[in-house]
Amino acid sequence: GSPITTEERRLRDKKHLNDITAARLPPLHHSPAKLLSIEESIAIQIQQKEVYEEMQAKLAAQKLAERLNIKMLRFEPEGEASMQYREVRDED
C-alpha cells in the first residue's frame, strides 16, 4: 500500500481510540510542562517551602492571638497619653 501521512495516521489512531473508549482528555488550559534543571527545581522547591513556612507561622500566630484574646494596640510613648499624667507648674 501507499505510505500514509502523519496527519492521516494521527486521525486514524484517534478514531480507533474513540471506538475503544468514551474517555476524553480534558482541554489543556495551561502551557505544556517544561523540563527544568535540577538546580532550578531545587530553587523552586526551597522558595515554595519558605513561602509555605511563612504562611504557616502567620496562621499559627493569628490562631494563638485569637486563643489568648490578645489585641494589638498602637504604642506611642511620646503621644497624647503620656502628656495626660504630667503636671505643668509655673515657678513664679
N, C-alpha and C. Protein backbone atom coordinates (compact mmCIF):
# COMPACT_ATOMS: atom_id res chain seq x y z
N GLY A 1 0.80 -1.18 0.00
CA GLY A 1 0.00 0.00 0.00
C GLY A 1 0.84 1.24 0.00
N SER A 2 0.17 2.33 -0.22
CA SER A 2 0.86 3.60 -0.24
C SER A 2 1.11 4.09 1.19
N PRO A 3 2.23 4.74 1.41
CA PRO A 3 2.50 5.25 2.77
C PRO A 3 1.53 6.38 3.12
N ILE A 4 1.06 6.35 4.39
CA ILE A 4 0.11 7.38 4.82
C ILE A 4 0.86 8.50 5.52
N THR A 5 0.28 9.68 5.47
CA THR A 5 0.94 10.83 6.10
C THR A 5 0.75 10.75 7.61
N THR A 6 1.55 11.52 8.32
CA THR A 6 1.46 11.50 9.78
C THR A 6 0.10 12.03 10.24
N GLU A 7 -0.46 13.00 9.52
CA GLU A 7 -1.78 13.54 9.87
C GLU A 7 -2.86 12.48 9.73
N GLU A 8 -2.80 11.72 8.60
CA GLU A 8 -3.78 10.65 8.39
C GLU A 8 -3.64 9.57 9.46
N ARG A 9 -2.40 9.25 9.80
CA ARG A 9 -2.16 8.23 10.83
C ARG A 9 -2.70 8.69 12.18
N ARG A 10 -2.48 9.98 12.52
CA ARG A 10 -2.98 10.53 13.79
C ARG A 10 -4.50 10.46 13.84
N LEU A 11 -5.15 10.85 12.74
CA LEU A 11 -6.62 10.80 12.69
C LEU A 11 -7.12 9.36 12.81
N ARG A 12 -6.42 8.43 12.13
CA ARG A 12 -6.84 7.02 12.21
C ARG A 12 -6.69 6.50 13.63
N ASP A 13 -5.56 6.82 14.29
CA ASP A 13 -5.35 6.37 15.66
C ASP A 13 -6.38 6.99 16.61
N LYS A 14 -6.71 8.27 16.38
CA LYS A 14 -7.70 8.95 17.22
C LYS A 14 -9.07 8.30 17.04
N LYS A 15 -9.42 7.98 15.80
CA LYS A 15 -10.71 7.33 15.53
C LYS A 15 -10.75 5.97 16.20
N HIS A 16 -9.64 5.23 16.12
CA HIS A 16 -9.56 3.93 16.77
C HIS A 16 -9.73 4.08 18.28
N LEU A 17 -9.09 5.09 18.86
CA LEU A 17 -9.20 5.33 20.30
C LEU A 17 -10.64 5.69 20.65
N ASN A 18 -11.30 6.47 19.81
CA ASN A 18 -12.70 6.82 20.06
C ASN A 18 -13.60 5.59 20.02
N ASP A 19 -13.26 4.60 19.18
CA ASP A 19 -14.04 3.37 19.12
C ASP A 19 -13.85 2.52 20.37
N ILE A 20 -12.67 2.62 20.99
CA ILE A 20 -12.36 1.79 22.15
C ILE A 20 -12.96 2.34 23.43
N THR A 21 -12.84 3.66 23.66
CA THR A 21 -13.25 4.24 24.93
C THR A 21 -13.98 5.56 24.73
N ALA A 22 -14.83 5.88 25.70
CA ALA A 22 -15.55 7.15 25.67
C ALA A 22 -14.80 8.22 26.48
N ALA A 23 -13.71 7.82 27.11
CA ALA A 23 -12.95 8.77 27.92
C ALA A 23 -12.27 9.79 27.02
N ARG A 24 -12.28 11.03 27.48
CA ARG A 24 -11.64 12.12 26.72
C ARG A 24 -10.66 12.84 27.63
N LEU A 25 -9.61 13.33 27.05
CA LEU A 25 -8.67 14.14 27.81
C LEU A 25 -9.27 15.52 28.03
N PRO A 26 -9.06 16.10 29.21
CA PRO A 26 -9.58 17.46 29.44
C PRO A 26 -8.81 18.44 28.56
N PRO A 27 -9.43 19.57 28.23
CA PRO A 27 -8.72 20.56 27.42
C PRO A 27 -7.52 21.12 28.18
N LEU A 28 -6.48 21.44 27.44
CA LEU A 28 -5.25 21.95 28.05
C LEU A 28 -5.40 23.46 28.27
N HIS A 29 -5.51 23.86 29.54
CA HIS A 29 -5.70 25.28 29.86
C HIS A 29 -4.37 25.99 30.10
N HIS A 30 -3.35 25.23 30.43
CA HIS A 30 -2.06 25.82 30.75
C HIS A 30 -1.04 25.40 29.71
N SER A 31 0.08 26.07 29.73
CA SER A 31 1.13 25.69 28.78
C SER A 31 1.63 24.29 29.14
N PRO A 32 2.12 23.58 28.17
CA PRO A 32 2.60 22.22 28.45
C PRO A 32 3.78 22.24 29.42
N ALA A 33 4.01 21.12 30.05
CA ALA A 33 5.10 21.02 31.01
C ALA A 33 6.43 21.26 30.32
N LYS A 34 7.37 21.83 31.06
CA LYS A 34 8.69 22.04 30.51
C LYS A 34 9.73 21.43 31.43
N LEU A 35 10.83 21.04 30.86
CA LEU A 35 11.89 20.43 31.64
C LEU A 35 12.68 21.49 32.38
N LEU A 36 13.01 21.20 33.63
CA LEU A 36 13.83 22.10 34.44
C LEU A 36 15.12 21.38 34.81
N SER A 37 16.14 22.16 35.00
CA SER A 37 17.38 21.57 35.51
C SER A 37 17.18 21.26 37.00
N ILE A 38 18.05 20.43 37.52
CA ILE A 38 17.97 20.08 38.95
C ILE A 38 18.12 21.33 39.81
N GLU A 39 19.02 22.23 39.42
CA GLU A 39 19.24 23.45 40.20
C GLU A 39 17.98 24.32 40.24
N GLU A 40 17.32 24.48 39.08
CA GLU A 40 16.08 25.28 39.03
C GLU A 40 14.99 24.63 39.87
N SER A 41 14.89 23.31 39.79
CA SER A 41 13.88 22.59 40.55
C SER A 41 14.10 22.75 42.05
N ILE A 42 15.35 22.62 42.48
CA ILE A 42 15.67 22.77 43.91
C ILE A 42 15.38 24.19 44.37
N ALA A 43 15.75 25.19 43.55
CA ALA A 43 15.50 26.59 43.92
C ALA A 43 14.01 26.85 44.08
N ILE A 44 13.20 26.32 43.17
CA ILE A 44 11.74 26.50 43.24
C ILE A 44 11.19 25.81 44.49
N GLN A 45 11.66 24.60 44.77
CA GLN A 45 11.18 23.88 45.95
C GLN A 45 11.54 24.61 47.23
N ILE A 46 12.75 25.15 47.31
CA ILE A 46 13.17 25.89 48.51
C ILE A 46 12.32 27.14 48.68
N GLN A 47 12.08 27.85 47.57
CA GLN A 47 11.25 29.06 47.63
C GLN A 47 9.83 28.72 48.08
N GLN A 48 9.25 27.65 47.52
CA GLN A 48 7.90 27.25 47.91
C GLN A 48 7.85 26.85 49.37
N LYS A 49 8.89 26.17 49.85
CA LYS A 49 8.94 25.75 51.25
C LYS A 49 8.99 26.97 52.17
N GLU A 50 9.80 27.98 51.80
CA GLU A 50 9.90 29.19 52.62
C GLU A 50 8.56 29.94 52.68
N VAL A 51 7.90 30.06 51.54
CA VAL A 51 6.60 30.74 51.50
C VAL A 51 5.59 29.97 52.34
N TYR A 52 5.61 28.64 52.22
CA TYR A 52 4.69 27.81 52.99
C TYR A 52 4.93 27.95 54.49
N GLU A 53 6.20 27.91 54.90
CA GLU A 53 6.51 28.02 56.33
C GLU A 53 6.14 29.40 56.86
N GLU A 54 6.36 30.44 56.06
CA GLU A 54 5.98 31.80 56.47
C GLU A 54 4.47 31.90 56.65
N MET A 55 3.72 31.31 55.73
CA MET A 55 2.27 31.33 55.82
C MET A 55 1.80 30.55 57.05
N GLN A 56 2.43 29.40 57.32
CA GLN A 56 2.08 28.60 58.49
C GLN A 56 2.38 29.37 59.77
N ALA A 57 3.50 30.10 59.83
CA ALA A 57 3.85 30.87 61.02
C ALA A 57 2.84 31.99 61.26
N LYS A 58 2.43 32.68 60.19
CA LYS A 58 1.43 33.75 60.34
C LYS A 58 0.11 33.19 60.83
N LEU A 59 -0.29 32.05 60.28
CA LEU A 59 -1.54 31.43 60.68
C LEU A 59 -1.48 30.99 62.14
N ALA A 60 -0.35 30.40 62.54
CA ALA A 60 -0.19 29.97 63.93
C ALA A 60 -0.23 31.16 64.88
N ALA A 61 0.43 32.25 64.51
CA ALA A 61 0.42 33.45 65.35
C ALA A 61 -0.99 34.02 65.46
N GLN A 62 -1.72 34.01 64.36
CA GLN A 62 -3.09 34.52 64.37
C GLN A 62 -3.98 33.67 65.27
N LYS A 63 -3.85 32.35 65.16
CA LYS A 63 -4.67 31.45 66.00
C LYS A 63 -4.32 31.61 67.47
N LEU A 64 -3.02 31.76 67.76
CA LEU A 64 -2.59 31.94 69.15
C LEU A 64 -3.13 33.25 69.71
N ALA A 65 -3.07 34.31 68.92
CA ALA A 65 -3.58 35.61 69.36
C ALA A 65 -5.08 35.53 69.62
N GLU A 66 -5.81 34.82 68.76
CA GLU A 66 -7.25 34.67 68.97
C GLU A 66 -7.53 33.86 70.23
N ARG A 67 -6.75 32.82 70.46
CA ARG A 67 -6.97 31.96 71.63
C ARG A 67 -6.68 32.72 72.92
N LEU A 68 -5.62 33.54 72.91
CA LEU A 68 -5.25 34.27 74.11
C LEU A 68 -5.96 35.60 74.23
N ASN A 69 -6.76 35.94 73.24
CA ASN A 69 -7.52 37.18 73.20
C ASN A 69 -6.61 38.39 73.32
N ILE A 70 -5.56 38.40 72.51
CA ILE A 70 -4.59 39.49 72.51
C ILE A 70 -5.01 40.50 71.45
N LYS A 71 -5.03 41.76 71.85
CA LYS A 71 -5.34 42.82 70.90
C LYS A 71 -4.08 43.66 70.72
N MET A 72 -3.72 43.89 69.50
CA MET A 72 -2.53 44.69 69.22
C MET A 72 -2.95 46.15 69.09
N LEU A 73 -2.44 47.00 70.02
CA LEU A 73 -2.74 48.42 70.00
C LEU A 73 -1.47 49.20 69.69
N ARG A 74 -1.67 50.40 69.21
CA ARG A 74 -0.51 51.25 68.90
C ARG A 74 0.04 51.82 70.21
N PHE A 75 1.34 51.83 70.31
CA PHE A 75 2.02 52.36 71.49
C PHE A 75 2.78 53.60 71.07
N GLU A 76 2.41 54.73 71.68
CA GLU A 76 3.06 55.99 71.35
C GLU A 76 3.51 56.66 72.64
N PRO A 77 4.72 56.37 73.09
CA PRO A 77 5.17 56.94 74.37
C PRO A 77 5.30 58.45 74.34
N GLU A 78 5.48 59.04 73.18
CA GLU A 78 5.61 60.49 73.08
C GLU A 78 4.29 61.16 72.68
N GLY A 79 3.22 60.39 72.66
CA GLY A 79 1.94 60.93 72.20
C GLY A 79 1.14 61.59 73.29
N GLU A 80 -0.15 61.75 73.04
CA GLU A 80 -1.05 62.46 73.96
C GLU A 80 -1.18 61.75 75.30
N ALA A 81 -1.22 60.45 75.31
CA ALA A 81 -1.46 59.70 76.54
C ALA A 81 -0.41 60.01 77.60
N SER A 82 0.85 60.14 77.19
CA SER A 82 1.89 60.41 78.19
C SER A 82 1.80 61.83 78.73
N MET A 83 1.22 62.74 77.98
CA MET A 83 1.09 64.13 78.43
C MET A 83 0.01 64.28 79.48
N GLN A 84 -0.94 63.37 79.54
CA GLN A 84 -2.03 63.49 80.49
C GLN A 84 -1.55 63.33 81.93
N TYR A 85 -0.46 62.63 82.15
CA TYR A 85 0.00 62.37 83.51
C TYR A 85 0.98 63.41 84.01
N ARG A 86 1.43 64.28 83.16
CA ARG A 86 2.40 65.29 83.58
C ARG A 86 1.70 66.53 84.11
N GLU A 87 2.24 67.04 85.14
CA GLU A 87 1.69 68.27 85.69
C GLU A 87 2.56 69.43 85.25
N VAL A 88 1.91 70.47 84.86
CA VAL A 88 2.66 71.67 84.45
C VAL A 88 2.58 72.68 85.58
N ARG A 89 3.74 73.11 86.10
CA ARG A 89 3.78 74.05 87.22
C ARG A 89 4.63 75.25 86.80
N ASP A 90 4.14 76.37 87.16
CA ASP A 90 4.95 77.58 86.96
C ASP A 90 5.74 77.83 88.23
N GLU A 91 6.96 78.21 88.08
CA GLU A 91 7.81 78.51 89.22
C GLU A 91 7.53 79.88 89.81
N ASP A 92 6.80 80.72 89.11
CA ASP A 92 6.51 82.06 89.60
C ASP A 92 5.59 82.06 90.76
